[in-house]
Amino acid sequence: MMEPLLVLLAGVAAGALNAIGGGGTFVALPALVAVGLPPVVANAVSRVALVPGAVASAWVYRRELAPVGTASTKALTAISVVGGAVGAGLLLVLPAASFDAAVPWLLAFATVVLAFGRHLSSALGRPVGMSARTVLIGQFFLGVYGGYFGGAVGILMLALWGIGFGLDAAAGNPMRVTQLAAMYLSATVLFLLASDALTAPLLLTAMLVGAVAGGFAGAHLARRLSARLLRGVLLTTAVTTTVLYFLRG
């Protein structure tokens, strides 16, 4: 019973992290691998298990959604769903080695942009500014990444929106959580149909229950954090996950 308990606790932590600032994958995936699941199966199980937690967080934020720049909420969500499905399809048909090698560099880039994007916008005198088409194209590629692996995709989203529109982390958090749920939801459909995610039902259930509890509680906590504190949580998560990935590599 120790293994399901470990996975349950990892699910709580992952759901809360995703609701507060992102990085839940970096708790969920190692925990599943540690109890004996192959990495690809663990990746699919973690994605399926984290969906209800992400949906619970999105429900808490449902009245606080605001468009990102000139892109409507419906358009952004639709493109996230499509991107998530494409990414999940790539995970099922392509080897993970080459993309996995790029993950630390993607995280490092996201961390730098998240840390200095607002300073760059200030230096320019205003945010860079993006058209609706540019935002949707960027969101599609983020959705592909989210469906394929998903580690720190929320950090990447806030980095993109921050440098493009000067969007504050706290103001963008409700939309980040909602888009995360959209990406994971479409990926989950494919994983349930075509992966081995259901071969570990006890572990899947334990992580799912934990993620729902963590996601619901984390969303309520995030709403009470100041913009500066939330930004600190995001940067800490970004730096930690990036360093861990480089050390792992």
C-alpha atoms as a PDB file:
ATOM      1  CA  MET A   1       0.000   0.000   0.000  1.00  0.00           C
ATOM      2  CA  MET A   2       2.992   2.320   0.227  1.00  0.00           C
ATOM      3  CA  GLU A   3       3.170   2.759  -3.543  1.00  0.00           C
ATOM      4  CA  PRO A   4      -0.452   3.984  -3.963  1.00  0.00           C
ATOM      5  CA  LEU A   5       0.019   6.279  -0.950  1.00  0.00           C
ATOM      6  CA  LEU A   6       3.169   7.778  -2.475  1.00  0.00           C
ATOM      7  CA  VAL A   7       1.366   8.291  -5.778  1.00  0.00           C
ATOM      8  CA  LEU A   8      -1.647   9.824  -3.984  1.00  0.00           C
ATOM      9  CA  LEU A   9       0.570  12.363  -2.212  1.00  0.00           C
ATOM     10  CA  ALA A  10       2.412  13.100  -5.467  1.00  0.00           C
ATOM     11  CA  GLY A  11      -0.980  13.717  -7.099  1.00  0.00           C
ATOM     12  CA  VAL A  12      -1.947  16.218  -4.389  1.00  0.00           C
ATOM     13  CA  ALA A  13       1.348  18.075  -4.841  1.00  0.00           C
ATOM     14  CA  ALA A  14       1.127  17.990  -8.645  1.00  0.00           C
ATOM     15  CA  GLY A  15      -2.478  19.234  -8.712  1.00  0.00           C
ATOM     16  CA  ALA A  16      -1.672  22.067  -6.322  1.00  0.00           C
ATOM     17  CA  LEU A  17       1.454  23.082  -8.244  1.00  0.00           C
ATOM     18  CA  ASN A  18      -0.439  23.173 -11.539  1.00  0.00           C
ATOM     19  CA  ALA A  19      -3.102  25.385  -9.958  1.00  0.00           C
ATOM     20  CA  ILE A  20      -0.634  27.755  -8.299  1.00  0.00           C
ATOM     21  CA  GLY A  21       2.178  28.107 -10.793  1.00  0.00           C
ATOM     22  CA  GLY A  22       2.799  25.028 -12.903  1.00  0.00           C
ATOM     23  CA  GLY A  23       5.324  22.220 -12.707  1.00  0.00           C
ATOM     24  CA  GLY A  24       3.022  19.411 -11.566  1.00  0.00           C
ATOM     25  CA  THR A  25       4.462  17.049 -14.160  1.00  0.00           C
ATOM     26  CA  PHE A  26       7.823  17.225 -12.415  1.00  0.00           C
ATOM     27  CA  VAL A  27       6.271  15.701  -9.306  1.00  0.00           C
ATOM     28  CA  ALA A  28       3.849  13.260 -10.940  1.00  0.00           C
ATOM     29  CA  LEU A  29       6.151  11.693 -13.533  1.00  0.00           C
ATOM     30  CA  PRO A  30       9.127  10.889 -11.237  1.00  0.00           C
ATOM     31  CA  ALA A  31       6.763   9.409  -8.629  1.00  0.00           C
ATOM     32  CA  LEU A  32       5.218   7.042 -11.175  1.00  0.00           C
ATOM     33  CA  VAL A  33       8.605   6.031 -12.542  1.00  0.00           C
ATOM     34  CA  ALA A  34       9.828   5.449  -8.972  1.00  0.00           C
ATOM     35  CA  VAL A  35       7.076   2.881  -8.352  1.00  0.00           C
ATOM     36  CA  GLY A  36       8.050   0.928 -11.458  1.00  0.00           C
ATOM     37  CA  LEU A  37       6.135   2.274 -14.458  1.00  0.00           C
ATOM     38  CA  PRO A  38       8.059   2.678 -17.751  1.00  0.00           C
ATOM     39  CA  PRO A  39       8.624   6.388 -18.541  1.00  0.00           C
ATOM     40  CA  VAL A  40       6.275   6.511 -21.546  1.00  0.00           C
ATOM     41  CA  VAL A  41       3.471   4.782 -19.612  1.00  0.00           C
ATOM     42  CA  ALA A  42       4.150   7.003 -16.592  1.00  0.00           C
ATOM     43  CA  ASN A  43       3.877  10.072 -18.827  1.00  0.00           C
ATOM     44  CA  ALA A  44       0.495   8.914 -20.162  1.00  0.00           C
ATOM     45  CA  VAL A  45      -0.789   7.973 -16.682  1.00  0.00           C
ATOM     46  CA  SER A  46       0.266  11.317 -15.216  1.00  0.00           C
ATOM     47  CA  ARG A  47      -1.438  13.225 -18.026  1.00  0.00           C
ATOM     48  CA  VAL A  48      -4.693  11.285 -17.615  1.00  0.00           C
ATOM     49  CA  ALA A  49      -4.608  11.589 -13.824  1.00  0.00           C
ATOM     50  CA  LEU A  50      -3.915  15.327 -13.788  1.00  0.00           C
ATOM     51  CA  VAL A  51      -6.861  16.217 -16.043  1.00  0.00           C
ATOM     52  CA  PRO A  52      -9.572  16.177 -13.318  1.00  0.00           C
ATOM     53  CA  GLY A  53      -7.342  18.295 -11.070  1.00  0.00           C
ATOM     54  CA  ALA A  54      -6.833  20.814 -13.859  1.00  0.00           C
ATOM     55  CA  VAL A  55     -10.581  20.872 -14.553  1.00  0.00           C
ATOM     56  CA  ALA A  56     -11.286  21.405 -10.827  1.00  0.00           C
ATOM     57  CA  SER A  57      -8.894  24.365 -10.804  1.00  0.00           C
ATOM     58  CA  ALA A  58     -10.451  25.786 -13.974  1.00  0.00           C
ATOM     59  CA  TRP A  59     -13.903  25.538 -12.342  1.00  0.00           C
ATOM     60  CA  VAL A  60     -12.709  27.629  -9.392  1.00  0.00           C
ATOM     61  CA  TYR A  61     -11.414  30.276 -11.832  1.00  0.00           C
ATOM     62  CA  ARG A  62     -14.401  30.166 -14.220  1.00  0.00           C
ATOM     63  CA  ARG A  63     -15.631  33.696 -13.347  1.00  0.00           C
ATOM     64  CA  GLU A  64     -12.185  35.275 -13.592  1.00  0.00           C
ATOM     65  CA  LEU A  65     -11.272  34.460 -17.193  1.00  0.00           C
ATOM     66  CA  ALA A  66     -10.203  37.341 -19.415  1.00  0.00           C
ATOM     67  CA  PRO A  67      -9.069  37.308 -23.060  1.00  0.00           C
ATOM     68  CA  VAL A  68      -5.332  37.147 -23.729  1.00  0.00           C
ATOM     69  CA  GLY A  69      -4.590  40.199 -25.836  1.00  0.00           C
ATOM     70  CA  THR A  70      -6.740  40.231 -28.938  1.00  0.00           C
ATOM     71  CA  ALA A  71      -7.448  36.479 -28.950  1.00  0.00           C
ATOM     72  CA  SER A  72     -10.845  35.411 -27.649  1.00  0.00           C
ATOM     73  CA  THR A  73     -11.139  32.855 -24.867  1.00  0.00           C
ATOM     74  CA  LYS A  74     -13.045  30.428 -27.119  1.00  0.00           C
ATOM     75  CA  ALA A  75     -10.453  30.623 -29.890  1.00  0.00           C
ATOM     76  CA  LEU A  76      -7.545  30.179 -27.476  1.00  0.00           C
ATOM     77  CA  THR A  77      -9.207  27.176 -25.825  1.00  0.00           C
ATOM     78  CA  ALA A  78     -10.045  25.557 -29.157  1.00  0.00           C
ATOM     79  CA  ILE A  79      -6.456  25.858 -30.388  1.00  0.00           C
ATOM     80  CA  SER A  80      -5.188  24.443 -27.074  1.00  0.00           C
ATOM     81  CA  VAL A  81      -7.430  21.406 -27.535  1.00  0.00           C
ATOM     82  CA  VAL A  82      -6.160  20.847 -31.073  1.00  0.00           C
ATOM     83  CA  GLY A  83      -2.522  21.327 -30.091  1.00  0.00           C
ATOM     84  CA  GLY A  84      -2.861  18.961 -27.134  1.00  0.00           C
ATOM     85  CA  ALA A  85      -4.304  16.256 -29.388  1.00  0.00           C
ATOM     86  CA  VAL A  86      -1.492  16.678 -31.934  1.00  0.00           C
ATOM     87  CA  GLY A  87       1.142  16.476 -29.199  1.00  0.00           C
ATOM     88  CA  ALA A  88      -0.391  13.349 -27.704  1.00  0.00           C
ATOM     89  CA  GLY A  89      -0.454  11.766 -31.162  1.00  0.00           C
ATOM     90  CA  LEU A  90       3.241  12.530 -31.612  1.00  0.00           C
ATOM     91  CA  LEU A  91       4.026  10.907 -28.258  1.00  0.00           C
ATOM     92  CA  LEU A  92       2.285   7.739 -29.378  1.00  0.00           C
ATOM     93  CA  VAL A  93       4.072   7.443 -32.733  1.00  0.00           C
ATOM     94  CA  LEU A  94       7.522   9.041 -32.273  1.00  0.00           C
ATOM     95  CA  PRO A  95      10.539   8.182 -30.093  1.00  0.00           C
ATOM     96  CA  ALA A  96      10.890  10.480 -27.103  1.00  0.00           C
ATOM     97  CA  ALA A  97      14.702  10.690 -27.012  1.00  0.00           C
ATOM     98  CA  SER A  98      15.231  13.689 -29.294  1.00  0.00           C
ATOM     99  CA  PHE A  99      12.466  15.799 -27.786  1.00  0.00           C
ATOM    100  CA  ASP A 100      13.494  14.862 -24.263  1.00  0.00           C
ATOM    101  CA  ALA A 101      16.979  16.189 -25.007  1.00  0.00           C
ATOM    102  CA  ALA A 102      15.465  19.569 -25.914  1.00  0.00           C
ATOM    103  CA  VAL A 103      13.293  19.893 -22.796  1.00  0.00           C
ATOM    104  CA  PRO A 104      15.977  21.439 -20.512  1.00  0.00           C
ATOM    105  CA  TRP A 105      16.713  24.111 -23.115  1.00  0.00           C
ATOM    106  CA  LEU A 106      13.013  24.876 -23.563  1.00  0.00           C
ATOM    107  CA  LEU A 107      12.661  25.233 -19.810  1.00  0.00           C
ATOM    108  CA  ALA A 108      15.752  27.438 -19.593  1.00  0.00           C
ATOM    109  CA  PHE A 109      14.342  29.694 -22.304  1.00  0.00           C
ATOM    110  CA  ALA A 110      10.968  29.881 -20.539  1.00  0.00           C
ATOM    111  CA  THR A 111      12.634  30.734 -17.228  1.00  0.00           C
ATOM    112  CA  VAL A 112      14.684  33.553 -18.754  1.00  0.00           C
ATOM    113  CA  VAL A 113      11.654  35.007 -20.526  1.00  0.00           C
ATOM    114  CA  LEU A 114       9.516  34.716 -17.409  1.00  0.00           C
ATOM    115  CA  ALA A 115      12.209  36.413 -15.303  1.00  0.00           C
ATOM    116  CA  PHE A 116      13.109  39.211 -17.701  1.00  0.00           C
ATOM    117  CA  GLY A 117      10.127  39.522 -20.056  1.00  0.00           C
ATOM    118  CA  ARG A 118       8.564  42.382 -18.108  1.00  0.00           C
ATOM    119  CA  HIS A 119      11.919  44.202 -17.979  1.00  0.00           C
ATOM    120  CA  LEU A 120      12.215  43.814 -21.750  1.00  0.00           C
ATOM    121  CA  SER A 121       8.722  45.204 -22.212  1.00  0.00           C
ATOM    122  CA  SER A 122       9.627  48.170 -19.989  1.00  0.00           C
ATOM    123  CA  ALA A 123      12.816  48.765 -21.963  1.00  0.00           C
ATOM    124  CA  LEU A 124      10.769  48.831 -25.150  1.00  0.00           C
ATOM    125  CA  GLY A 125       8.405  51.300 -23.532  1.00  0.00           C
ATOM    126  CA  ARG A 126       5.428  48.979 -23.921  1.00  0.00           C
ATOM    127  CA  PRO A 127       4.676  45.263 -24.404  1.00  0.00           C
ATOM    128  CA  VAL A 128       5.787  43.815 -27.738  1.00  0.00           C
ATOM    129  CA  GLY A 129       2.181  43.413 -28.833  1.00  0.00           C
ATOM    130  CA  MET A 130       0.870  40.401 -30.747  1.00  0.00           C
ATOM    131  CA  SER A 131      -1.929  39.934 -33.217  1.00  0.00           C
ATOM    132  CA  ALA A 132      -4.631  37.365 -32.552  1.00  0.00           C
ATOM    133  CA  ARG A 133      -3.101  35.139 -35.252  1.00  0.00           C
ATOM    134  CA  THR A 134       0.345  35.267 -33.627  1.00  0.00           C
ATOM    135  CA  VAL A 135      -1.094  34.405 -30.219  1.00  0.00           C
ATOM    136  CA  LEU A 136      -3.029  31.441 -31.621  1.00  0.00           C
ATOM    137  CA  ILE A 137      -0.011  30.124 -33.535  1.00  0.00           C
ATOM    138  CA  GLY A 138       2.105  30.329 -30.399  1.00  0.00           C
ATOM    139  CA  GLN A 139      -0.647  28.689 -28.359  1.00  0.00           C
ATOM    140  CA  PHE A 140      -0.893  25.828 -30.868  1.00  0.00           C
ATOM    141  CA  PHE A 141       2.794  24.979 -30.464  1.00  0.00           C
ATOM    142  CA  LEU A 142       2.458  25.240 -26.697  1.00  0.00           C
ATOM    143  CA  GLY A 143      -0.494  22.851 -26.952  1.00  0.00           C
ATOM    144  CA  VAL A 144       1.626  20.391 -28.934  1.00  0.00           C
ATOM    145  CA  TYR A 145       4.289  20.584 -26.234  1.00  0.00           C
ATOM    146  CA  GLY A 146       1.623  20.205 -23.544  1.00  0.00           C
ATOM    147  CA  GLY A 147       0.171  17.108 -25.180  1.00  0.00           C
ATOM    148  CA  TYR A 148       3.563  15.556 -25.838  1.00  0.00           C
ATOM    149  CA  PHE A 149       5.223  16.157 -22.473  1.00  0.00           C
ATOM    150  CA  GLY A 150       3.717  19.141 -20.675  1.00  0.00           C
ATOM    151  CA  GLY A 151       6.460  19.944 -18.169  1.00  0.00           C
ATOM    152  CA  ALA A 152       6.181  23.637 -17.250  1.00  0.00           C
ATOM    153  CA  VAL A 153       3.870  24.371 -20.181  1.00  0.00           C
ATOM    154  CA  GLY A 154       2.034  26.789 -17.874  1.00  0.00           C
ATOM    155  CA  ILE A 155       5.290  28.670 -17.308  1.00  0.00           C
ATOM    156  CA  LEU A 156       5.824  28.846 -21.062  1.00  0.00           C
ATOM    157  CA  MET A 157       2.297  30.212 -21.526  1.00  0.00           C
ATOM    158  CA  LEU A 158       2.787  32.966 -18.976  1.00  0.00           C
ATOM    159  CA  ALA A 159       6.175  33.776 -20.493  1.00  0.00           C
ATOM    160  CA  LEU A 160       4.607  34.185 -23.942  1.00  0.00           C
ATOM    161  CA  TRP A 161       1.710  36.287 -22.663  1.00  0.00           C
ATOM    162  CA  GLY A 162       3.978  38.358 -20.431  1.00  0.00           C
ATOM    163  CA  ILE A 163       6.380  39.456 -23.138  1.00  0.00           C
ATOM    164  CA  GLY A 164       3.619  39.845 -25.718  1.00  0.00           C
ATOM    165  CA  PHE A 165       1.123  41.821 -23.663  1.00  0.00           C
ATOM    166  CA  GLY A 166       2.780  42.611 -20.331  1.00  0.00           C
ATOM    167  CA  LEU A 167       0.203  40.309 -18.727  1.00  0.00           C
ATOM    168  CA  ASP A 168       0.817  39.918 -15.001  1.00  0.00           C
ATOM    169  CA  ALA A 169       1.275  36.375 -13.670  1.00  0.00           C
ATOM    170  CA  ALA A 170      -1.612  36.687 -11.198  1.00  0.00           C
ATOM    171  CA  ALA A 171      -3.961  38.127 -13.835  1.00  0.00           C
ATOM    172  CA  GLY A 172      -3.022  35.431 -16.328  1.00  0.00           C
ATOM    173  CA  ASN A 173      -3.247  32.507 -13.901  1.00  0.00           C
ATOM    174  CA  PRO A 174      -6.989  31.745 -14.420  1.00  0.00           C
ATOM    175  CA  MET A 175      -6.498  31.543 -18.187  1.00  0.00           C
ATOM    176  CA  ARG A 176      -3.300  29.485 -17.766  1.00  0.00           C
ATOM    177  CA  VAL A 177      -5.135  26.903 -15.673  1.00  0.00           C
ATOM    178  CA  THR A 178      -8.024  26.766 -18.140  1.00  0.00           C
ATOM    179  CA  GLN A 179      -5.731  26.261 -21.145  1.00  0.00           C
ATOM    180  CA  LEU A 180      -3.792  23.592 -19.258  1.00  0.00           C
ATOM    181  CA  ALA A 181      -7.062  21.708 -18.688  1.00  0.00           C
ATOM    182  CA  ALA A 182      -7.928  22.027 -22.404  1.00  0.00           C
ATOM    183  CA  MET A 183      -4.547  20.643 -23.526  1.00  0.00           C
ATOM    184  CA  TYR A 184      -4.628  17.769 -21.063  1.00  0.00           C
ATOM    185  CA  LEU A 185      -8.238  16.888 -21.836  1.00  0.00           C
ATOM    186  CA  SER A 186      -7.673  16.290 -25.542  1.00  0.00           C
ATOM    187  CA  ALA A 187      -4.425  14.425 -24.874  1.00  0.00           C
ATOM    188  CA  THR A 188      -6.211  12.211 -22.361  1.00  0.00           C
ATOM    189  CA  VAL A 189      -8.753  11.024 -24.916  1.00  0.00           C
ATOM    190  CA  LEU A 190      -5.960   9.704 -27.136  1.00  0.00           C
ATOM    191  CA  PHE A 191      -4.019   8.201 -24.232  1.00  0.00           C
ATOM    192  CA  LEU A 192      -7.071   6.309 -23.009  1.00  0.00           C
ATOM    193  CA  LEU A 193      -7.728   4.945 -26.487  1.00  0.00           C
ATOM    194  CA  ALA A 194      -4.201   4.149 -27.675  1.00  0.00           C
ATOM    195  CA  SER A 195      -1.723   4.007 -24.766  1.00  0.00           C
ATOM    196  CA  ASP A 196      -1.096   1.666 -21.832  1.00  0.00           C
ATOM    197  CA  ALA A 197      -2.360   4.193 -19.270  1.00  0.00           C
ATOM    198  CA  LEU A 198      -5.093   1.797 -18.069  1.00  0.00           C
ATOM    199  CA  THR A 199      -2.633  -1.014 -17.294  1.00  0.00           C
ATOM    200  CA  ALA A 200      -2.019   0.507 -13.828  1.00  0.00           C
ATOM    201  CA  PRO A 201      -5.569   1.280 -12.599  1.00  0.00           C
ATOM    202  CA  LEU A 202      -4.708   1.512  -8.885  1.00  0.00           C
ATOM    203  CA  LEU A 203      -1.888   3.987  -9.421  1.00  0.00           C
ATOM    204  CA  LEU A 204      -3.965   5.957 -11.925  1.00  0.00           C
ATOM    205  CA  THR A 205      -6.856   6.212  -9.457  1.00  0.00           C
ATOM    206  CA  ALA A 206      -4.585   7.221  -6.569  1.00  0.00           C
ATOM    207  CA  MET A 207      -2.958  10.021  -8.551  1.00  0.00           C
ATOM    208  CA  LEU A 208      -6.290  11.164  -9.974  1.00  0.00           C
ATOM    209  CA  VAL A 209      -7.892  11.491  -6.520  1.00  0.00           C
ATOM    210  CA  GLY A 210      -4.858  13.334  -5.177  1.00  0.00           C
ATOM    211  CA  ALA A 211      -4.712  15.692  -8.159  1.00  0.00           C
ATOM    212  CA  VAL A 212      -8.374  16.678  -7.807  1.00  0.00           C
ATOM    213  CA  ALA A 213      -7.898  17.523  -4.128  1.00  0.00           C
ATOM    214  CA  GLY A 214      -4.645  19.383  -4.798  1.00  0.00           C
ATOM    215  CA  GLY A 215      -6.006  21.225  -7.818  1.00  0.00           C
ATOM    216  CA  PHE A 216      -9.113  22.443  -6.011  1.00  0.00           C
ATOM    217  CA  ALA A 217      -7.207  23.548  -2.912  1.00  0.00           C
ATOM    218  CA  GLY A 218      -4.338  25.047  -4.917  1.00  0.00           C
ATOM    219  CA  ALA A 219      -6.660  27.195  -7.027  1.00  0.00           C
ATOM    220  CA  HIS A 220      -8.267  28.672  -3.908  1.00  0.00           C
ATOM    221  CA  LEU A 221      -4.811  29.340  -2.454  1.00  0.00           C
ATOM    222  CA  ALA A 222      -3.530  30.960  -5.662  1.00  0.00           C
ATOM    223  CA  ARG A 223      -6.432  33.435  -5.658  1.00  0.00           C
ATOM    224  CA  ARG A 224      -5.211  34.744  -2.300  1.00  0.00           C
ATOM    225  CA  LEU A 225      -1.562  35.169  -3.275  1.00  0.00           C
ATOM    226  CA  SER A 226      -0.264  38.612  -4.223  1.00  0.00           C
ATOM    227  CA  ALA A 227       1.085  39.150  -7.745  1.00  0.00           C
ATOM    228  CA  ARG A 228       4.646  39.418  -6.388  1.00  0.00           C
ATOM    229  CA  LEU A 229       4.376  36.235  -4.316  1.00  0.00           C
ATOM    230  CA  LEU A 230       2.793  34.290  -7.178  1.00  0.00           C
ATOM    231  CA  ARG A 231       5.562  35.477  -9.481  1.00  0.00           C
ATOM    232  CA  GLY A 232       8.094  34.292  -6.914  1.00  0.00           C
ATOM    233  CA  VAL A 233       6.444  30.862  -6.802  1.00  0.00           C
ATOM    234  CA  LEU A 234       6.492  30.654 -10.591  1.00  0.00           C
ATOM    235  CA  LEU A 235      10.153  31.652 -10.848  1.00  0.00           C
ATOM    236  CA  THR A 236      11.150  29.242  -8.091  1.00  0.00           C
ATOM    237  CA  THR A 237       9.315  26.424  -9.837  1.00  0.00           C
ATOM    238  CA  ALA A 238      10.868  27.350 -13.181  1.00  0.00           C
ATOM    239  CA  VAL A 239      14.435  27.557 -11.885  1.00  0.00           C
ATOM    240  CA  THR A 240      14.133  24.355  -9.849  1.00  0.00           C
ATOM    241  CA  THR A 241      12.678  22.277 -12.660  1.00  0.00           C
ATOM    242  CA  THR A 242      15.205  23.591 -15.172  1.00  0.00           C
ATOM    243  CA  VAL A 243      18.177  22.817 -12.912  1.00  0.00           C
ATOM    244  CA  LEU A 244      16.823  19.346 -12.134  1.00  0.00           C
ATOM    245  CA  TYR A 245      16.413  18.574 -15.809  1.00  0.00           C
ATOM    246  CA  PHE A 246      19.944  19.654 -16.657  1.00  0.00           C
ATOM    247  CA  LEU A 247      21.287  17.563 -13.760  1.00  0.00           C
ATOM    248  CA  ARG A 248      19.261  14.584 -14.942  1.00  0.00           C
ATOM    249  CA  GLY A 249      20.536  14.922 -18.481  1.00  0.00           C
END
